[in-house]
Amino acid sequence: MANISESMALALSLQANHEKHNELIYNTIETYFNEQNLSGFAKLMSDQKNGEKVHNELLQTYICDRSGKVTFEPIVYPKLEVDYLLGNPESLIEIFKLVLETEQITTSKLTELAKIAFAESDFQTFDLIVNQMLKEQIEEENLSETWLQKALMLSDCMPSIMLWNESLLQ
């Protein structure tokens, strides 16, 4: 496999750092749900968190496999500012809005990364971004949109939210 350019390695490193930040966002939400004893929603966010970790590691390994240098940025831990869920079901909407926004930002960043790879005629990286990461990202955005729509429909019915939470443990 051909060596990767410094600029492409840096761009991929920035994306890897973004994926790490996403992992921390989902970890924060998972913790929040665990604090609320909503283990189904916590499991959902744990799965999201693990997916982001895989993306981060994939990009780092890819850079190294192409003889590039991985650049790390300082870790910024996100803060989740929502009300106590059981006292305010609207906070579930806010959480799933954050999840959707996180996925939309990632899609945008991956699209820009694909443009850079194409402009550099780095078709190996272009293939990785488009056929693996962006393809999966579209699924993630659709899933996030579904969760938000469900939260919007159920926001005024705490028993339904609790049933949804339980169903996520199955």
N, C-alpha and C. Protein backbone atom coordinates (compact mmCIF):
# COMPACT_ATOMS: atom_id res chain seq x y z
N MET A 1 0.85 -1.17 0.00
CA MET A 1 0.00 0.00 0.00
C MET A 1 0.90 1.24 0.00
N ALA A 2 0.56 2.20 -0.79
CA ALA A 2 1.36 3.42 -0.91
C ALA A 2 1.30 4.25 0.36
N ASN A 3 2.39 4.99 0.59
CA ASN A 3 2.42 5.89 1.75
C ASN A 3 1.33 6.95 1.62
N ILE A 4 0.88 7.41 2.75
CA ILE A 4 -0.15 8.44 2.79
C ILE A 4 0.54 9.80 2.88
N SER A 5 -0.06 10.83 2.31
CA SER A 5 0.52 12.17 2.40
C SER A 5 0.39 12.70 3.83
N GLU A 6 1.24 13.62 4.18
CA GLU A 6 1.15 14.23 5.52
C GLU A 6 -0.19 14.93 5.72
N SER A 7 -0.65 15.61 4.68
CA SER A 7 -1.92 16.33 4.81
C SER A 7 -3.09 15.36 4.99
N MET A 8 -3.04 14.23 4.29
CA MET A 8 -4.13 13.24 4.43
C MET A 8 -4.05 12.59 5.81
N ALA A 9 -2.84 12.30 6.28
CA ALA A 9 -2.68 11.71 7.61
C ALA A 9 -3.21 12.66 8.68
N LEU A 10 -2.94 13.96 8.50
CA LEU A 10 -3.45 14.94 9.46
C LEU A 10 -4.97 15.01 9.40
N ALA A 11 -5.54 15.04 8.20
CA ALA A 11 -6.99 15.10 8.05
C ALA A 11 -7.65 13.85 8.68
N LEU A 12 -7.06 12.70 8.46
CA LEU A 12 -7.59 11.46 9.05
C LEU A 12 -7.43 11.48 10.57
N SER A 13 -6.32 12.02 11.05
CA SER A 13 -6.10 12.14 12.50
C SER A 13 -7.16 13.02 13.13
N LEU A 14 -7.47 14.13 12.46
CA LEU A 14 -8.52 15.01 12.98
C LEU A 14 -9.86 14.28 13.05
N GLN A 15 -10.13 13.46 12.04
CA GLN A 15 -11.37 12.67 12.07
C GLN A 15 -11.32 11.64 13.19
N ALA A 16 -10.18 11.01 13.39
CA ALA A 16 -10.04 10.04 14.48
C ALA A 16 -10.28 10.73 15.82
N ASN A 17 -9.76 11.93 15.97
CA ASN A 17 -10.00 12.70 17.20
C ASN A 17 -11.48 13.04 17.35
N HIS A 18 -12.12 13.37 16.23
CA HIS A 18 -13.56 13.64 16.27
C HIS A 18 -14.34 12.40 16.72
N GLU A 19 -13.95 11.24 16.19
CA GLU A 19 -14.61 9.99 16.58
C GLU A 19 -14.41 9.72 18.08
N LYS A 20 -13.23 10.05 18.60
CA LYS A 20 -12.96 9.89 20.03
C LYS A 20 -13.88 10.81 20.83
N HIS A 21 -14.05 12.04 20.35
CA HIS A 21 -14.95 12.97 21.03
C HIS A 21 -16.38 12.44 21.02
N ASN A 22 -16.81 11.88 19.88
CA ASN A 22 -18.14 11.28 19.82
C ASN A 22 -18.27 10.15 20.85
N GLU A 23 -17.22 9.36 20.97
CA GLU A 23 -17.22 8.26 21.95
C GLU A 23 -17.47 8.84 23.35
N LEU A 24 -16.84 9.95 23.65
CA LEU A 24 -17.01 10.57 24.96
C LEU A 24 -18.41 11.14 25.14
N ILE A 25 -18.99 11.68 24.07
CA ILE A 25 -20.37 12.17 24.14
C ILE A 25 -21.29 11.01 24.50
N TYR A 26 -21.14 9.89 23.79
CA TYR A 26 -22.01 8.75 24.06
C TYR A 26 -21.75 8.14 25.43
N ASN A 27 -20.51 8.20 25.89
CA ASN A 27 -20.19 7.72 27.23
C ASN A 27 -20.89 8.59 28.28
N THR A 28 -20.90 9.90 28.05
CA THR A 28 -21.56 10.82 28.97
C THR A 28 -23.06 10.54 29.01
N ILE A 29 -23.66 10.33 27.86
CA ILE A 29 -25.10 10.04 27.81
C ILE A 29 -25.38 8.68 28.45
N GLU A 30 -24.53 7.70 28.17
CA GLU A 30 -24.71 6.38 28.78
C GLU A 30 -24.68 6.49 30.31
N THR A 31 -23.74 7.25 30.82
CA THR A 31 -23.63 7.43 32.27
C THR A 31 -24.88 8.10 32.83
N TYR A 32 -25.35 9.12 32.12
CA TYR A 32 -26.57 9.80 32.54
C TYR A 32 -27.74 8.81 32.62
N PHE A 33 -27.90 7.99 31.59
CA PHE A 33 -29.00 7.03 31.61
C PHE A 33 -28.81 6.01 32.74
N ASN A 34 -27.59 5.59 32.99
CA ASN A 34 -27.35 4.67 34.11
C ASN A 34 -27.71 5.33 35.44
N GLU A 35 -27.39 6.62 35.58
CA GLU A 35 -27.75 7.35 36.81
C GLU A 35 -29.25 7.41 36.99
N GLN A 36 -30.00 7.40 35.88
CA GLN A 36 -31.47 7.46 35.92
C GLN A 36 -32.10 6.06 36.00
N ASN A 37 -31.25 5.03 36.10
CA ASN A 37 -31.71 3.64 36.13
C ASN A 37 -32.49 3.27 34.86
N LEU A 38 -32.03 3.81 33.74
CA LEU A 38 -32.62 3.50 32.44
C LEU A 38 -31.61 2.68 31.64
N SER A 39 -31.48 1.42 32.05
CA SER A 39 -30.42 0.58 31.50
C SER A 39 -30.61 0.25 30.02
N GLY A 40 -31.83 0.29 29.52
CA GLY A 40 -32.04 0.05 28.09
C GLY A 40 -31.45 1.18 27.26
N PHE A 41 -31.74 2.42 27.64
CA PHE A 41 -31.17 3.56 26.94
C PHE A 41 -29.65 3.61 27.12
N ALA A 42 -29.19 3.22 28.32
CA ALA A 42 -27.75 3.18 28.57
C ALA A 42 -27.08 2.17 27.64
N LYS A 43 -27.71 1.02 27.45
CA LYS A 43 -27.16 0.00 26.54
C LYS A 43 -27.10 0.54 25.11
N LEU A 44 -28.13 1.25 24.71
CA LEU A 44 -28.18 1.84 23.38
C LEU A 44 -26.98 2.78 23.18
N MET A 45 -26.72 3.61 24.17
CA MET A 45 -25.60 4.55 24.07
C MET A 45 -24.25 3.85 24.20
N SER A 46 -24.21 2.76 24.93
CA SER A 46 -22.98 1.97 25.02
C SER A 46 -22.62 1.41 23.65
N ASP A 47 -23.63 0.94 22.93
CA ASP A 47 -23.40 0.43 21.58
C ASP A 47 -22.89 1.55 20.67
N GLN A 48 -23.47 2.75 20.79
CA GLN A 48 -23.02 3.89 20.00
C GLN A 48 -21.58 4.24 20.35
N LYS A 49 -21.30 4.26 21.64
CA LYS A 49 -19.95 4.57 22.13
C LYS A 49 -18.93 3.59 21.55
N ASN A 50 -19.27 2.32 21.58
CA ASN A 50 -18.35 1.31 21.07
C ASN A 50 -18.13 1.45 19.56
N GLY A 51 -19.17 1.85 18.84
CA GLY A 51 -19.02 2.09 17.40
C GLY A 51 -18.05 3.22 17.11
N GLU A 52 -18.12 4.28 17.91
CA GLU A 52 -17.21 5.41 17.73
C GLU A 52 -15.78 5.01 18.05
N LYS A 53 -15.61 4.17 19.05
CA LYS A 53 -14.27 3.67 19.41
C LYS A 53 -13.68 2.88 18.26
N VAL A 54 -14.50 2.05 17.64
CA VAL A 54 -14.05 1.26 16.49
C VAL A 54 -13.62 2.18 15.35
N HIS A 55 -14.39 3.23 15.10
CA HIS A 55 -14.03 4.17 14.02
C HIS A 55 -12.71 4.87 14.31
N ASN A 56 -12.54 5.29 15.55
CA ASN A 56 -11.29 5.93 15.95
C ASN A 56 -10.10 5.00 15.72
N GLU A 57 -10.23 3.77 16.18
CA GLU A 57 -9.14 2.80 16.03
C GLU A 57 -8.90 2.43 14.57
N LEU A 58 -9.97 2.33 13.79
CA LEU A 58 -9.84 2.04 12.37
C LEU A 58 -9.00 3.11 11.67
N LEU A 59 -9.31 4.36 11.94
CA LEU A 59 -8.58 5.45 11.30
C LEU A 59 -7.12 5.49 11.75
N GLN A 60 -6.88 5.29 13.03
CA GLN A 60 -5.50 5.29 13.52
C GLN A 60 -4.69 4.16 12.88
N THR A 61 -5.29 2.99 12.83
CA THR A 61 -4.60 1.84 12.22
C THR A 61 -4.35 2.09 10.74
N TYR A 62 -5.34 2.64 10.07
CA TYR A 62 -5.21 2.93 8.64
C TYR A 62 -4.05 3.89 8.39
N ILE A 63 -3.95 4.94 9.18
CA ILE A 63 -2.85 5.90 9.03
C ILE A 63 -1.51 5.19 9.21
N CYS A 64 -1.40 4.39 10.24
CA CYS A 64 -0.15 3.67 10.51
C CYS A 64 0.17 2.67 9.39
N ASP A 65 -0.84 1.97 8.92
CA ASP A 65 -0.63 1.00 7.84
C ASP A 65 -0.14 1.67 6.57
N ARG A 66 -0.46 2.94 6.41
CA ARG A 66 -0.02 3.69 5.23
C ARG A 66 1.24 4.51 5.53
N SER A 67 1.92 4.16 6.61
CA SER A 67 3.19 4.80 7.02
C SER A 67 3.03 6.28 7.35
N GLY A 68 1.87 6.63 7.89
CA GLY A 68 1.64 8.02 8.28
C GLY A 68 1.80 8.19 9.78
N LYS A 69 1.71 9.41 10.21
CA LYS A 69 1.84 9.76 11.63
C LYS A 69 0.48 10.19 12.14
N VAL A 70 0.05 9.57 13.24
CA VAL A 70 -1.21 9.92 13.88
C VAL A 70 -0.96 11.13 14.78
N THR A 71 -1.83 12.12 14.65
CA THR A 71 -1.73 13.32 15.47
C THR A 71 -2.89 13.32 16.46
N PHE A 72 -2.55 13.48 17.73
CA PHE A 72 -3.58 13.50 18.76
C PHE A 72 -3.83 14.93 19.22
N GLU A 73 -5.06 15.21 19.56
CA GLU A 73 -5.43 16.50 20.11
C GLU A 73 -5.85 16.32 21.56
N PRO A 74 -5.83 17.41 22.34
CA PRO A 74 -6.27 17.30 23.74
C PRO A 74 -7.72 16.80 23.82
N ILE A 75 -7.97 16.03 24.85
CA ILE A 75 -9.31 15.48 25.05
C ILE A 75 -10.15 16.51 25.81
N VAL A 76 -11.32 16.79 25.25
CA VAL A 76 -12.28 17.69 25.90
C VAL A 76 -13.49 16.85 26.26
N TYR A 77 -13.75 16.76 27.55
CA TYR A 77 -14.88 15.96 27.99
C TYR A 77 -16.18 16.77 27.86
N PRO A 78 -17.17 16.21 27.18
CA PRO A 78 -18.43 16.93 26.99
C PRO A 78 -19.24 16.98 28.28
N LYS A 79 -20.06 18.00 28.38
CA LYS A 79 -20.99 18.12 29.50
C LYS A 79 -22.39 17.94 28.94
N LEU A 80 -23.16 17.18 29.64
CA LEU A 80 -24.55 16.95 29.25
C LEU A 80 -25.42 17.80 30.15
N GLU A 81 -26.13 18.71 29.54
CA GLU A 81 -26.96 19.62 30.33
C GLU A 81 -28.43 19.36 30.03
N VAL A 82 -28.95 18.38 30.73
CA VAL A 82 -30.38 18.07 30.62
C VAL A 82 -30.95 17.91 32.02
N ASP A 83 -32.24 18.09 32.12
CA ASP A 83 -32.90 17.93 33.40
C ASP A 83 -33.04 16.45 33.73
N TYR A 84 -33.31 16.20 34.95
CA TYR A 84 -33.59 14.85 35.43
C TYR A 84 -34.69 14.24 34.57
N LEU A 85 -34.39 13.15 33.89
CA LEU A 85 -35.29 12.57 32.90
C LEU A 85 -36.65 12.19 33.47
N LEU A 86 -36.67 11.51 34.57
CA LEU A 86 -37.95 11.04 35.09
C LEU A 86 -38.82 12.20 35.55
N GLY A 87 -38.22 13.34 35.85
CA GLY A 87 -38.99 14.51 36.21
C GLY A 87 -39.34 15.37 35.01
N ASN A 88 -38.69 15.11 33.89
CA ASN A 88 -38.90 15.92 32.69
C ASN A 88 -38.66 15.07 31.44
N PRO A 89 -39.68 14.41 30.93
CA PRO A 89 -39.52 13.56 29.75
C PRO A 89 -38.99 14.31 28.53
N GLU A 90 -39.16 15.64 28.51
CA GLU A 90 -38.64 16.43 27.39
C GLU A 90 -37.12 16.29 27.26
N SER A 91 -36.45 15.96 28.36
CA SER A 91 -34.99 15.82 28.29
C SER A 91 -34.59 14.66 27.37
N LEU A 92 -35.45 13.66 27.24
CA LEU A 92 -35.17 12.57 26.31
C LEU A 92 -35.10 13.10 24.88
N ILE A 93 -35.96 14.04 24.56
CA ILE A 93 -35.93 14.67 23.23
C ILE A 93 -34.61 15.41 23.05
N GLU A 94 -34.19 16.15 24.06
CA GLU A 94 -32.93 16.90 23.97
C GLU A 94 -31.74 15.96 23.77
N ILE A 95 -31.76 14.83 24.44
CA ILE A 95 -30.67 13.87 24.28
C ILE A 95 -30.63 13.33 22.86
N PHE A 96 -31.78 12.94 22.33
CA PHE A 96 -31.78 12.38 20.98
C PHE A 96 -31.57 13.44 19.91
N LYS A 97 -31.86 14.70 20.21
CA LYS A 97 -31.46 15.78 19.31
C LYS A 97 -29.94 15.87 19.28
N LEU A 98 -29.31 15.76 20.45
CA LEU A 98 -27.85 15.78 20.53
C LEU A 98 -27.24 14.61 19.76
N VAL A 99 -27.83 13.43 19.90
CA VAL A 99 -27.34 12.25 19.18
C VAL A 99 -27.43 12.49 17.67
N LEU A 100 -28.56 12.97 17.20
CA LEU A 100 -28.73 13.23 15.76
C LEU A 100 -27.74 14.30 15.29
N GLU A 101 -27.61 15.36 16.04
CA GLU A 101 -26.66 16.42 15.68
C GLU A 101 -25.24 15.89 15.62
N THR A 102 -24.88 15.04 16.56
CA THR A 102 -23.54 14.44 16.58
C THR A 102 -23.31 13.64 15.31
N GLU A 103 -24.30 12.86 14.91
CA GLU A 103 -24.16 12.04 13.69
C GLU A 103 -24.14 12.92 12.43
N GLN A 104 -24.93 13.98 12.41
CA GLN A 104 -24.94 14.87 11.25
C GLN A 104 -23.60 15.58 11.09
N ILE A 105 -23.01 16.00 12.18
CA ILE A 105 -21.69 16.64 12.14
C ILE A 105 -20.66 15.65 11.62
N THR A 106 -20.74 14.43 12.07
CA THR A 106 -19.80 13.40 11.62
C THR A 106 -19.95 13.15 10.13
N THR A 107 -21.18 13.08 9.64
CA THR A 107 -21.41 12.90 8.21
C THR A 107 -20.77 14.03 7.42
N SER A 108 -20.96 15.24 7.88
CA SER A 108 -20.38 16.41 7.21
C SER A 108 -18.86 16.33 7.18
N LYS A 109 -18.27 15.97 8.31
CA LYS A 109 -16.81 15.86 8.38
C LYS A 109 -16.28 14.76 7.47
N LEU A 110 -16.97 13.64 7.42
CA LEU A 110 -16.54 12.54 6.54
C LEU A 110 -16.69 12.92 5.07
N THR A 111 -17.72 13.66 4.76
CA THR A 111 -17.90 14.13 3.38
C THR A 111 -16.74 15.03 2.97
N GLU A 112 -16.36 15.94 3.85
CA GLU A 112 -15.21 16.82 3.57
C GLU A 112 -13.92 16.01 3.43
N LEU A 113 -13.78 15.00 4.27
CA LEU A 113 -12.61 14.13 4.20
C LEU A 113 -12.56 13.38 2.87
N ALA A 114 -13.70 12.92 2.39
CA ALA A 114 -13.75 12.24 1.09
C ALA A 114 -13.34 13.20 -0.03
N LYS A 115 -13.77 14.46 0.07
CA LYS A 115 -13.38 15.46 -0.93
C LYS A 115 -11.87 15.68 -0.93
N ILE A 116 -11.28 15.71 0.24
CA ILE A 116 -9.82 15.88 0.34
C ILE A 116 -9.11 14.69 -0.29
N ALA A 117 -9.57 13.50 0.05
CA ALA A 117 -8.95 12.28 -0.51
C ALA A 117 -9.07 12.27 -2.03
N PHE A 118 -10.22 12.65 -2.53
CA PHE A 118 -10.42 12.67 -3.98
C PHE A 118 -9.51 13.71 -4.63
N ALA A 119 -9.42 14.88 -4.03
CA ALA A 119 -8.58 15.96 -4.57
C ALA A 119 -7.11 15.56 -4.60
N GLU A 120 -6.69 14.73 -3.63
CA GLU A 120 -5.31 14.26 -3.58
C GLU A 120 -5.10 13.00 -4.43
N SER A 121 -6.15 12.55 -5.09
CA SER A 121 -6.11 11.30 -5.85
C SER A 121 -5.69 10.12 -4.97
N ASP A 122 -6.08 10.18 -3.71
CA ASP A 122 -5.81 9.09 -2.77
C ASP A 122 -7.07 8.23 -2.73
N PHE A 123 -7.16 7.36 -3.73
CA PHE A 123 -8.39 6.59 -3.90
C PHE A 123 -8.54 5.46 -2.89
N GLN A 124 -7.45 5.05 -2.27
CA GLN A 124 -7.57 4.07 -1.18
C GLN A 124 -8.31 4.69 -0.01
N THR A 125 -7.91 5.90 0.34
CA THR A 125 -8.57 6.60 1.44
C THR A 125 -10.00 6.97 1.05
N PHE A 126 -10.17 7.42 -0.17
CA PHE A 126 -11.51 7.77 -0.67
C PHE A 126 -12.43 6.56 -0.54
N ASP A 127 -11.96 5.39 -0.93
CA ASP A 127 -12.75 4.17 -0.83
C ASP A 127 -13.10 3.86 0.63
N LEU A 128 -12.14 3.98 1.52
CA LEU A 128 -12.39 3.73 2.95
C LEU A 128 -13.48 4.66 3.47
N ILE A 129 -13.35 5.94 3.14
CA ILE A 129 -14.29 6.93 3.67
C ILE A 129 -15.68 6.73 3.06
N VAL A 130 -15.75 6.61 1.76
CA VAL A 130 -17.06 6.54 1.09
C VAL A 130 -17.74 5.18 1.28
N ASN A 131 -17.04 4.12 0.98
CA ASN A 131 -17.67 2.80 0.96
C ASN A 131 -17.78 2.13 2.31
N GLN A 132 -17.03 2.61 3.28
CA GLN A 132 -17.14 2.00 4.60
C GLN A 132 -17.73 2.98 5.60
N MET A 133 -17.07 4.10 5.78
CA MET A 133 -17.49 4.99 6.85
C MET A 133 -18.75 5.80 6.52
N LEU A 134 -18.82 6.41 5.35
CA LEU A 134 -20.01 7.18 5.01
C LEU A 134 -21.24 6.30 4.83
N LYS A 135 -21.03 5.13 4.28
CA LYS A 135 -22.15 4.19 4.12
C LYS A 135 -22.75 3.86 5.49
N GLU A 136 -21.90 3.57 6.44
CA GLU A 136 -22.36 3.28 7.80
C GLU A 136 -22.95 4.53 8.45
N GLN A 137 -22.37 5.68 8.15
CA GLN A 137 -22.82 6.93 8.74
C GLN A 137 -24.26 7.26 8.35
N ILE A 138 -24.62 6.98 7.12
CA ILE A 138 -25.99 7.20 6.67
C ILE A 138 -26.96 6.37 7.51
N GLU A 139 -26.57 5.14 7.79
CA GLU A 139 -27.39 4.28 8.64
C GLU A 139 -27.50 4.85 10.05
N GLU A 140 -26.39 5.37 10.57
CA GLU A 140 -26.39 5.95 11.92
C GLU A 140 -27.30 7.18 11.99
N GLU A 141 -27.24 8.01 10.97
CA GLU A 141 -28.11 9.20 10.95
C GLU A 141 -29.58 8.79 10.90
N ASN A 142 -29.90 7.82 10.06
CA ASN A 142 -31.29 7.35 9.96
C ASN A 142 -31.78 6.77 11.28
N LEU A 143 -30.94 6.01 11.93
CA LEU A 143 -31.29 5.43 13.23
C LEU A 143 -31.50 6.53 14.26
N SER A 144 -30.61 7.52 14.27
CA SER A 144 -30.72 8.63 15.22
C SER A 144 -32.01 9.42 14.98
N GLU A 145 -32.36 9.60 13.72
CA GLU A 145 -33.61 10.30 13.38
C GLU A 145 -34.81 9.50 13.88
N THR A 146 -34.76 8.19 13.74
CA THR A 146 -35.84 7.33 14.24
C THR A 146 -35.99 7.45 15.75
N TRP A 147 -34.86 7.44 16.46
CA TRP A 147 -34.91 7.57 17.92
C TRP A 147 -35.51 8.91 18.32
N LEU A 148 -35.12 9.97 17.63
CA LEU A 148 -35.65 11.29 17.95
C LEU A 148 -37.16 11.32 17.69
N GLN A 149 -37.59 10.77 16.56
CA GLN A 149 -39.02 10.76 16.27
C GLN A 149 -39.80 9.98 17.33
N LYS A 150 -39.24 8.88 17.77
CA LYS A 150 -39.89 8.08 18.81
C LYS A 150 -39.95 8.87 20.11
N ALA A 151 -38.85 9.55 20.45
CA ALA A 151 -38.83 10.37 21.68
C ALA A 151 -39.87 11.48 21.59
N LEU A 152 -40.01 12.09 20.41
CA LEU A 152 -41.01 13.14 20.23
C LEU A 152 -42.43 12.59 20.42
N MET A 153 -42.68 11.41 19.89
CA MET A 153 -44.02 10.81 20.00
C MET A 153 -44.34 10.41 21.44
N LEU A 154 -43.32 9.97 22.18
CA LEU A 154 -43.56 9.42 23.51
C LEU A 154 -43.30 10.41 24.64
N SER A 155 -42.86 11.61 24.32
CA SER A 155 -42.39 12.53 25.35
C SER A 155 -43.41 12.87 26.43
N ASP A 156 -44.68 12.78 26.11
CA ASP A 156 -45.70 13.11 27.12
C ASP A 156 -46.27 11.87 27.80
N CYS A 157 -45.61 10.73 27.61
CA CYS A 157 -46.14 9.48 28.16
C CYS A 157 -45.02 8.67 28.81
N MET A 158 -44.78 8.94 30.08
CA MET A 158 -43.68 8.27 30.78
C MET A 158 -43.81 6.74 30.75
N PRO A 159 -45.01 6.15 30.90
CA PRO A 159 -45.07 4.67 30.81
C PRO A 159 -44.56 4.15 29.46
N SER A 160 -44.84 4.85 28.38
CA SER A 160 -44.35 4.42 27.07
C SER A 160 -42.83 4.54 26.98
N ILE A 161 -42.28 5.60 27.57
CA ILE A 161 -40.83 5.75 27.60
C ILE A 161 -40.20 4.59 28.37
N MET A 162 -40.82 4.22 29.48
CA MET A 162 -40.29 3.10 30.28
C MET A 162 -40.39 1.78 29.51
N LEU A 163 -41.46 1.59 28.76
CA LEU A 163 -41.58 0.38 27.93
C LEU A 163 -40.52 0.37 26.84
N TRP A 164 -40.27 1.51 26.22
CA TRP A 164 -39.22 1.61 25.20
C TRP A 164 -37.88 1.27 25.82
N ASN A 165 -37.61 1.81 27.01
CA ASN A 165 -36.36 1.51 27.70
C ASN A 165 -36.22 0.00 27.93
N GLU A 166 -37.27 -0.62 28.40
CA GLU A 166 -37.23 -2.07 28.65
C GLU A 166 -37.03 -2.86 27.38
N SER A 167 -37.65 -2.41 26.29
CA SER A 167 -37.53 -3.14 25.02
C SER A 167 -36.10 -3.13 24.48
N LEU A 168 -35.33 -2.13 24.87
CA LEU A 168 -33.93 -2.03 24.39
C LEU A 168 -33.03 -3.05 25.08
N LEU A 169 -33.51 -3.67 26.14
CA LEU A 169 -32.72 -4.69 26.84
C LEU A 169 -32.91 -6.07 26.24
N GLN A 170 -33.85 -6.23 25.33
CA GLN A 170 -34.18 -7.53 24.74
C GLN A 170 -33.17 -7.90 23.67
